[in-house]
Amino acid sequence: MKYKEIKKMGKIEQEKKMKELKLELAKARAQKIGTSKIKEIKKIIARLHTFNNLENKSKKLTDK
């Protein structure tokens, strides 16, 4: 998932995707799937977190 795709998603969609990815990560770890798949899932989760943090910071700056 690319940053552009995340940007197009709504807040609720992002939260759903985050929950879905965390579940997928847990399943991948339990099944001991290759590390490349686990790394990919972690990167997407990190992108979602980063995007949310940037949005929150920009909202705080505009509110002041």
C-alpha atoms as a PDB file:
ATOM      1  CA  MET A   1       0.000   0.000   0.000  1.00  0.00           C
ATOM      2  CA  LYS A   2       1.387   3.324  -1.056  1.00  0.00           C
ATOM      3  CA  TYR A   3       1.134   6.671   0.698  1.00  0.00           C
ATOM      4  CA  LYS A   4      -1.162   7.974  -2.059  1.00  0.00           C
ATOM      5  CA  GLU A   5      -3.608   5.146  -1.404  1.00  0.00           C
ATOM      6  CA  ILE A   6      -3.609   5.896   2.315  1.00  0.00           C
ATOM      7  CA  LYS A   7      -4.243   9.570   1.625  1.00  0.00           C
ATOM      8  CA  LYS A   8      -7.347   8.703  -0.414  1.00  0.00           C
ATOM      9  CA  MET A   9      -8.805   6.584   2.390  1.00  0.00           C
ATOM     10  CA  GLY A  10     -11.135   7.993   4.993  1.00  0.00           C
ATOM     11  CA  LYS A  11     -10.379   7.861   8.722  1.00  0.00           C
ATOM     12  CA  ILE A  12     -12.691   4.890   9.281  1.00  0.00           C
ATOM     13  CA  GLU A  13     -11.188   2.990   6.352  1.00  0.00           C
ATOM     14  CA  GLN A  14      -7.699   3.582   7.750  1.00  0.00           C
ATOM     15  CA  GLU A  15      -8.712   2.217  11.138  1.00  0.00           C
ATOM     16  CA  LYS A  16     -10.268  -0.875   9.521  1.00  0.00           C
ATOM     17  CA  LYS A  17      -7.134  -1.438   7.466  1.00  0.00           C
ATOM     18  CA  MET A  18      -4.960  -1.079  10.572  1.00  0.00           C
ATOM     19  CA  LYS A  19      -6.975  -3.713  12.451  1.00  0.00           C
ATOM     20  CA  GLU A  20      -6.896  -6.000   9.418  1.00  0.00           C
ATOM     21  CA  LEU A  21      -3.129  -5.662   9.065  1.00  0.00           C
ATOM     22  CA  LYS A  22      -2.481  -6.293  12.745  1.00  0.00           C
ATOM     23  CA  LEU A  23      -4.549  -9.471  12.551  1.00  0.00           C
ATOM     24  CA  GLU A  24      -2.710 -10.534   9.405  1.00  0.00           C
ATOM     25  CA  LEU A  25       0.624  -9.868  11.126  1.00  0.00           C
ATOM     26  CA  ALA A  26      -0.358 -12.019  14.087  1.00  0.00           C
ATOM     27  CA  LYS A  27      -1.427 -14.836  11.765  1.00  0.00           C
ATOM     28  CA  ALA A  28       1.806 -14.577   9.772  1.00  0.00           C
ATOM     29  CA  ARG A  29       3.869 -14.790  12.947  1.00  0.00           C
ATOM     30  CA  ALA A  30       1.870 -17.772  14.211  1.00  0.00           C
ATOM     31  CA  GLN A  31       2.227 -19.628  10.925  1.00  0.00           C
ATOM     32  CA  LYS A  32       5.898 -18.659  10.702  1.00  0.00           C
ATOM     33  CA  ILE A  33       5.488 -17.278   7.208  1.00  0.00           C
ATOM     34  CA  GLY A  34       8.614 -15.808   5.596  1.00  0.00           C
ATOM     35  CA  THR A  35      10.145 -12.692   7.060  1.00  0.00           C
ATOM     36  CA  SER A  36       9.643 -10.742   3.835  1.00  0.00           C
ATOM     37  CA  LYS A  37       5.848 -10.900   4.245  1.00  0.00           C
ATOM     38  CA  ILE A  38       6.097  -9.858   7.901  1.00  0.00           C
ATOM     39  CA  LYS A  39       8.367  -6.936   6.993  1.00  0.00           C
ATOM     40  CA  GLU A  40       5.942  -5.810   4.313  1.00  0.00           C
ATOM     41  CA  ILE A  41       3.019  -5.825   6.760  1.00  0.00           C
ATOM     42  CA  LYS A  42       5.066  -3.898   9.343  1.00  0.00           C
ATOM     43  CA  LYS A  43       5.974  -1.247   6.765  1.00  0.00           C
ATOM     44  CA  ILE A  44       2.349  -0.690   5.834  1.00  0.00           C
ATOM     45  CA  ILE A  45       1.377  -0.396   9.500  1.00  0.00           C
ATOM     46  CA  ALA A  46       4.182   2.124  10.001  1.00  0.00           C
ATOM     47  CA  ARG A  47       2.981   4.156   7.006  1.00  0.00           C
ATOM     48  CA  LEU A  48      -0.519   4.275   8.449  1.00  0.00           C
ATOM     49  CA  HIS A  49       0.815   5.394  11.841  1.00  0.00           C
ATOM     50  CA  THR A  50       3.001   8.039  10.229  1.00  0.00           C
ATOM     51  CA  PHE A  51       0.138   9.380   8.147  1.00  0.00           C
ATOM     52  CA  ASN A  52      -2.136   9.566  11.203  1.00  0.00           C
ATOM     53  CA  ASN A  53       0.534  11.350  13.246  1.00  0.00           C
ATOM     54  CA  LEU A  54       1.111  13.905  10.487  1.00  0.00           C
ATOM     55  CA  GLU A  55      -2.614  14.546  10.176  1.00  0.00           C
ATOM     56  CA  ASN A  56      -2.970  15.012  13.925  1.00  0.00           C
ATOM     57  CA  LYS A  57      -0.048  17.429  14.072  1.00  0.00           C
ATOM     58  CA  SER A  58      -1.340  19.494  11.159  1.00  0.00           C
ATOM     59  CA  LYS A  59      -4.793  19.702  12.768  1.00  0.00           C
ATOM     60  CA  LYS A  60      -3.260  20.910  16.038  1.00  0.00           C
ATOM     61  CA  LEU A  61      -1.306  23.604  14.224  1.00  0.00           C
ATOM     62  CA  THR A  62      -4.340  24.845  12.329  1.00  0.00           C
ATOM     63  CA  ASP A  63      -6.494  24.885  15.480  1.00  0.00           C
ATOM     64  CA  LYS A  64      -4.208  27.351  17.232  1.00  0.00           C
END
